[in-house]
Each structure stands twice: as C-alpha cells, then as structure tokens.
Amino acid sequence: MSRTPMKLILTQEVSGLGAPGDVVDVASGYGRNYLIPRGFAMPWTRGAEKQIELIKRARSAREVRGVEDAKVIAAQLEGLQVRMRRRAGGGGRLFGSVGPADIAAAVREAGRDPIKTVGAHQVRVRLHPEVSAPVDIDIVAS
C-alpha cells in the first residue's frame, strides 16, 4: 500500500484542511477516494495551478468581508425559518432528499448531510471562519 502524499488543489472549504484555492498534501487514499470524487479537490498539475487564482477570486467575491458583517448576517438568519414542501411517503420518509443546494436561497453551505425526513431540522450556516448561525428548516410533506 502506497503511503506517498498526494498534492491537491481544494475547490471547496474542507474543515481542518483548508479553503478553496489552497494547495494541500494529503494521503493518496483520502484524496483519491474522498476529496476528488465529492468535488472537494482536484489533482494538482502545473496547468491546474493557473486555476488557483480563478478559484480564489471567485471565493473572495462570495465571501463575507469581515467578522462584523458576518455577525450582522448571523443575527438576521437566527430569526429566519424556512419551510419547504417535498413529496414524502407514509412514514414521513422523503422521496429524494433536501440538501444544501435545495435551501441555498435561504442558507448557503449548510455543512450537513442531506435531509431525508419530514419535520423540523436545524442547520448551522458558516458565514465566516469565526461566525456561524443556526437556521431552522421545516420540511413538510406535500
């Protein structure tokens, strides 16, 4: 079994590893079996290194500028309750799932597994590396 590190460019934030655009060395199995298939990273090459600047520019355009701005947004989100209608079976099990992309208009990068049942759920939205806010999501059967 090879234990040589793999050099990757992160395309999304991975807690404990880095932010989009960072070049990281990880175990080859972790990179090959987890990070790359899920779209969290791409293999580092000289050509791909040129994309780092594009990734960082896109990140800065989306990023909340400062901790104070993030705290203001967090205060606004804490009172927010999102209600979504989805088809569900008799036992409350959803047909499909509700993931971060489905609730992106209200919360971005919820940082949790897709929701697969009806009912009330709370997700934490990371607005800044130092600031996160809870948002209540209510999934009701249609």
C-alpha atoms as a PDB file:
ATOM      1  CA  MET A   1       0.000   0.000   0.000  1.00  0.00           C
ATOM      2  CA  SER A   2       1.386   3.363  -1.028  1.00  0.00           C
ATOM      3  CA  ARG A   3       1.722   5.995   1.673  1.00  0.00           C
ATOM      4  CA  THR A   4       3.003   8.743  -0.589  1.00  0.00           C
ATOM      5  CA  PRO A   5       1.203  12.054  -0.187  1.00  0.00           C
ATOM      6  CA  MET A   6      -0.967  13.403  -2.971  1.00  0.00           C
ATOM      7  CA  LYS A   7      -0.864  17.082  -3.910  1.00  0.00           C
ATOM      8  CA  LEU A   8      -4.347  18.556  -4.437  1.00  0.00           C
ATOM      9  CA  ILE A   9      -5.987  21.927  -5.006  1.00  0.00           C
ATOM     10  CA  LEU A  10      -9.057  22.420  -2.836  1.00  0.00           C
ATOM     11  CA  THR A  11     -12.153  23.602  -4.715  1.00  0.00           C
ATOM     12  CA  GLN A  12     -14.336  23.869  -1.589  1.00  0.00           C
ATOM     13  CA  GLU A  13     -13.655  24.501   2.077  1.00  0.00           C
ATOM     14  CA  VAL A  14     -12.745  21.322   3.960  1.00  0.00           C
ATOM     15  CA  SER A  15     -12.723  21.808   7.724  1.00  0.00           C
ATOM     16  CA  GLY A  16      -9.340  21.046   9.227  1.00  0.00           C
ATOM     17  CA  LEU A  17      -7.680  21.049   5.809  1.00  0.00           C
ATOM     18  CA  GLY A  18      -8.082  24.386   4.070  1.00  0.00           C
ATOM     19  CA  ALA A  19     -10.085  26.814   1.960  1.00  0.00           C
ATOM     20  CA  PRO A  20     -10.808  26.884  -1.783  1.00  0.00           C
ATOM     21  CA  GLY A  21      -7.662  27.515  -3.788  1.00  0.00           C
ATOM     22  CA  ASP A  22      -5.300  26.080  -1.166  1.00  0.00           C
ATOM     23  CA  VAL A  23      -2.727  23.529  -2.298  1.00  0.00           C
ATOM     24  CA  VAL A  24      -2.554  20.681   0.234  1.00  0.00           C
ATOM     25  CA  ASP A  25      -0.710  17.380   0.633  1.00  0.00           C
ATOM     26  CA  VAL A  26      -2.976  14.540   1.794  1.00  0.00           C
ATOM     27  CA  ALA A  27      -2.790  10.756   1.947  1.00  0.00           C
ATOM     28  CA  SER A  28      -3.368   9.374  -1.537  1.00  0.00           C
ATOM     29  CA  GLY A  29      -6.341   7.252  -0.429  1.00  0.00           C
ATOM     30  CA  TYR A  30      -8.061  10.224   1.219  1.00  0.00           C
ATOM     31  CA  GLY A  31      -7.612  12.310  -1.904  1.00  0.00           C
ATOM     32  CA  ARG A  32      -8.464   9.605  -4.421  1.00  0.00           C
ATOM     33  CA  ASN A  33     -11.421   8.063  -2.548  1.00  0.00           C
ATOM     34  CA  TYR A  34     -12.983  11.039  -0.777  1.00  0.00           C
ATOM     35  CA  LEU A  35     -11.884  14.528  -1.790  1.00  0.00           C
ATOM     36  CA  ILE A  36     -11.764  14.191  -5.595  1.00  0.00           C
ATOM     37  CA  PRO A  37     -14.971  12.126  -6.118  1.00  0.00           C
ATOM     38  CA  ARG A  38     -17.014  14.529  -3.966  1.00  0.00           C
ATOM     39  CA  GLY A  39     -15.668  17.570  -5.797  1.00  0.00           C
ATOM     40  CA  PHE A  40     -13.824  18.983  -2.779  1.00  0.00           C
ATOM     41  CA  ALA A  41     -10.480  18.957  -4.593  1.00  0.00           C
ATOM     42  CA  MET A  42      -8.785  18.426  -7.928  1.00  0.00           C
ATOM     43  CA  PRO A  43      -5.371  16.953  -8.672  1.00  0.00           C
ATOM     44  CA  TRP A  44      -2.534  19.463  -8.697  1.00  0.00           C
ATOM     45  CA  THR A  45      -0.820  19.972 -12.045  1.00  0.00           C
ATOM     46  CA  ARG A  46       1.060  22.921 -13.488  1.00  0.00           C
ATOM     47  CA  GLY A  47      -1.961  23.730 -15.648  1.00  0.00           C
ATOM     48  CA  ALA A  48      -4.362  23.393 -12.741  1.00  0.00           C
ATOM     49  CA  GLU A  49      -2.200  25.705 -10.666  1.00  0.00           C
ATOM     50  CA  LYS A  50      -3.226  28.519 -13.002  1.00  0.00           C
ATOM     51  CA  GLN A  51      -6.844  27.915 -11.936  1.00  0.00           C
ATOM     52  CA  ILE A  52      -5.966  28.658  -8.309  1.00  0.00           C
ATOM     53  CA  GLU A  53      -6.198  32.385  -8.964  1.00  0.00           C
ATOM     54  CA  LEU A  54      -9.660  31.962 -10.526  1.00  0.00           C
ATOM     55  CA  ILE A  55     -10.827  29.893  -7.547  1.00  0.00           C
ATOM     56  CA  LYS A  56      -9.518  32.473  -5.081  1.00  0.00           C
ATOM     57  CA  ARG A  57     -11.133  35.354  -6.989  1.00  0.00           C
ATOM     58  CA  ALA A  58     -14.496  33.553  -7.010  1.00  0.00           C
ATOM     59  CA  ARG A  59     -14.125  32.841  -3.287  1.00  0.00           C
ATOM     60  CA  SER A  60     -13.418  36.460  -2.452  1.00  0.00           C
ATOM     61  CA  ALA A  61     -16.441  37.596  -4.477  1.00  0.00           C
ATOM     62  CA  ARG A  62     -18.742  35.329  -2.430  1.00  0.00           C
ATOM     63  CA  GLU A  63     -17.028  35.720   0.906  1.00  0.00           C
ATOM     64  CA  VAL A  64     -18.490  37.844   3.637  1.00  0.00           C
ATOM     65  CA  ARG A  65     -15.955  40.610   4.023  1.00  0.00           C
ATOM     66  CA  GLY A  66     -15.394  40.693   7.754  1.00  0.00           C
ATOM     67  CA  VAL A  67     -16.351  39.292  11.118  1.00  0.00           C
ATOM     68  CA  GLU A  68     -18.621  42.274  11.826  1.00  0.00           C
ATOM     69  CA  ASP A  69     -20.532  41.763   8.550  1.00  0.00           C
ATOM     70  CA  ALA A  70     -20.837  38.058   9.334  1.00  0.00           C
ATOM     71  CA  LYS A  71     -22.245  38.806  12.791  1.00  0.00           C
ATOM     72  CA  VAL A  72     -24.871  41.131  11.322  1.00  0.00           C
ATOM     73  CA  ILE A  73     -25.939  38.479   8.821  1.00  0.00           C
ATOM     74  CA  ALA A  74     -25.920  35.814  11.571  1.00  0.00           C
ATOM     75  CA  ALA A  75     -28.321  37.923  13.641  1.00  0.00           C
ATOM     76  CA  GLN A  76     -30.661  38.187  10.647  1.00  0.00           C
ATOM     77  CA  LEU A  77     -30.512  34.436   9.977  1.00  0.00           C
ATOM     78  CA  GLU A  78     -31.222  33.408  13.569  1.00  0.00           C
ATOM     79  CA  GLY A  79     -34.822  34.580  13.278  1.00  0.00           C
ATOM     80  CA  LEU A  80     -35.294  33.019   9.852  1.00  0.00           C
ATOM     81  CA  GLN A  81     -37.455  29.925   9.487  1.00  0.00           C
ATOM     82  CA  VAL A  82     -37.551  28.165   6.132  1.00  0.00           C
ATOM     83  CA  ARG A  83     -40.491  25.951   5.143  1.00  0.00           C
ATOM     84  CA  MET A  84     -40.214  23.628   2.142  1.00  0.00           C
ATOM     85  CA  ARG A  85     -42.762  21.228   0.684  1.00  0.00           C
ATOM     86  CA  ARG A  86     -41.485  17.905  -0.603  1.00  0.00           C
ATOM     87  CA  ARG A  87     -43.178  14.650  -1.550  1.00  0.00           C
ATOM     88  CA  ALA A  88     -42.995  12.103   1.238  1.00  0.00           C
ATOM     89  CA  GLY A  89     -44.119   8.550   1.930  1.00  0.00           C
ATOM     90  CA  GLY A  90     -46.494   7.427   4.653  1.00  0.00           C
ATOM     91  CA  GLY A  91     -43.809   7.092   7.325  1.00  0.00           C
ATOM     92  CA  GLY A  92     -42.505  10.616   6.807  1.00  0.00           C
ATOM     93  CA  ARG A  93     -39.626   9.469   4.576  1.00  0.00           C
ATOM     94  CA  LEU A  94     -38.927  11.874   1.703  1.00  0.00           C
ATOM     95  CA  PHE A  95     -38.824  10.819  -1.934  1.00  0.00           C
ATOM     96  CA  GLY A  96     -35.274  12.004  -2.561  1.00  0.00           C
ATOM     97  CA  SER A  97     -33.605  14.374  -0.153  1.00  0.00           C
ATOM     98  CA  VAL A  98     -33.189  18.034   0.726  1.00  0.00           C
ATOM     99  CA  GLY A  99     -29.579  19.080   0.504  1.00  0.00           C
ATOM    100  CA  PRO A 100     -27.718  22.351   0.765  1.00  0.00           C
ATOM    101  CA  ALA A 101     -28.401  23.149  -2.897  1.00  0.00           C
ATOM    102  CA  ASP A 102     -32.168  22.951  -2.269  1.00  0.00           C
ATOM    103  CA  ILE A 103     -32.065  25.509   0.515  1.00  0.00           C
ATOM    104  CA  ALA A 104     -29.266  27.640  -0.906  1.00  0.00           C
ATOM    105  CA  ALA A 105     -31.553  30.637  -1.395  1.00  0.00           C
ATOM    106  CA  ALA A 106     -32.019  30.793   2.382  1.00  0.00           C
ATOM    107  CA  VAL A 107     -28.821  29.210   3.642  1.00  0.00           C
ATOM    108  CA  ARG A 108     -25.539  28.684   1.865  1.00  0.00           C
ATOM    109  CA  GLU A 109     -23.247  25.705   2.585  1.00  0.00           C
ATOM    110  CA  ALA A 110     -25.281  24.263   5.419  1.00  0.00           C
ATOM    111  CA  GLY A 111     -22.493  21.812   6.222  1.00  0.00           C
ATOM    112  CA  ARG A 112     -24.628  18.796   6.989  1.00  0.00           C
ATOM    113  CA  ASP A 113     -25.841  15.642   5.339  1.00  0.00           C
ATOM    114  CA  PRO A 114     -28.909  15.904   3.096  1.00  0.00           C
ATOM    115  CA  ILE A 115     -32.207  15.917   4.971  1.00  0.00           C
ATOM    116  CA  LYS A 116     -34.191  12.761   4.245  1.00  0.00           C
ATOM    117  CA  THR A 117     -37.183  13.024   6.596  1.00  0.00           C
ATOM    118  CA  VAL A 118     -40.047  15.438   7.152  1.00  0.00           C
ATOM    119  CA  GLY A 119     -40.078  17.589  10.257  1.00  0.00           C
ATOM    120  CA  ALA A 120     -38.076  20.363  11.866  1.00  0.00           C
ATOM    121  CA  HIS A 121     -34.317  20.421  11.333  1.00  0.00           C
ATOM    122  CA  GLN A 122     -31.705  22.931  12.426  1.00  0.00           C
ATOM    123  CA  VAL A 123     -28.652  23.623  10.275  1.00  0.00           C
ATOM    124  CA  ARG A 124     -25.631  25.784  11.057  1.00  0.00           C
ATOM    125  CA  VAL A 125     -24.581  28.207   8.357  1.00  0.00           C
ATOM    126  CA  ARG A 126     -20.919  29.169   8.346  1.00  0.00           C
ATOM    127  CA  LEU A 127     -20.738  32.814   7.302  1.00  0.00           C
ATOM    128  CA  HIS A 128     -17.113  33.354   8.185  1.00  0.00           C
ATOM    129  CA  PRO A 129     -14.431  31.076   9.659  1.00  0.00           C
ATOM    130  CA  GLU A 130     -15.240  32.599  13.066  1.00  0.00           C
ATOM    131  CA  VAL A 131     -19.010  33.109  12.725  1.00  0.00           C
ATOM    132  CA  SER A 132     -21.854  30.648  12.167  1.00  0.00           C
ATOM    133  CA  ALA A 133     -25.596  30.920  12.680  1.00  0.00           C
ATOM    134  CA  PRO A 134     -28.357  28.378  13.291  1.00  0.00           C
ATOM    135  CA  VAL A 135     -31.278  28.285  10.833  1.00  0.00           C
ATOM    136  CA  ASP A 136     -34.490  26.320  11.404  1.00  0.00           C
ATOM    137  CA  ILE A 137     -35.737  24.359   8.401  1.00  0.00           C
ATOM    138  CA  ASP A 138     -39.208  22.799   8.418  1.00  0.00           C
ATOM    139  CA  ILE A 139     -39.788  20.081   5.821  1.00  0.00           C
ATOM    140  CA  VAL A 140     -43.473  19.303   5.285  1.00  0.00           C
ATOM    141  CA  ALA A 141     -44.999  16.558   3.129  1.00  0.00           C
ATOM    142  CA  SER A 142     -46.956  17.691   0.098  1.00  0.00           C
END
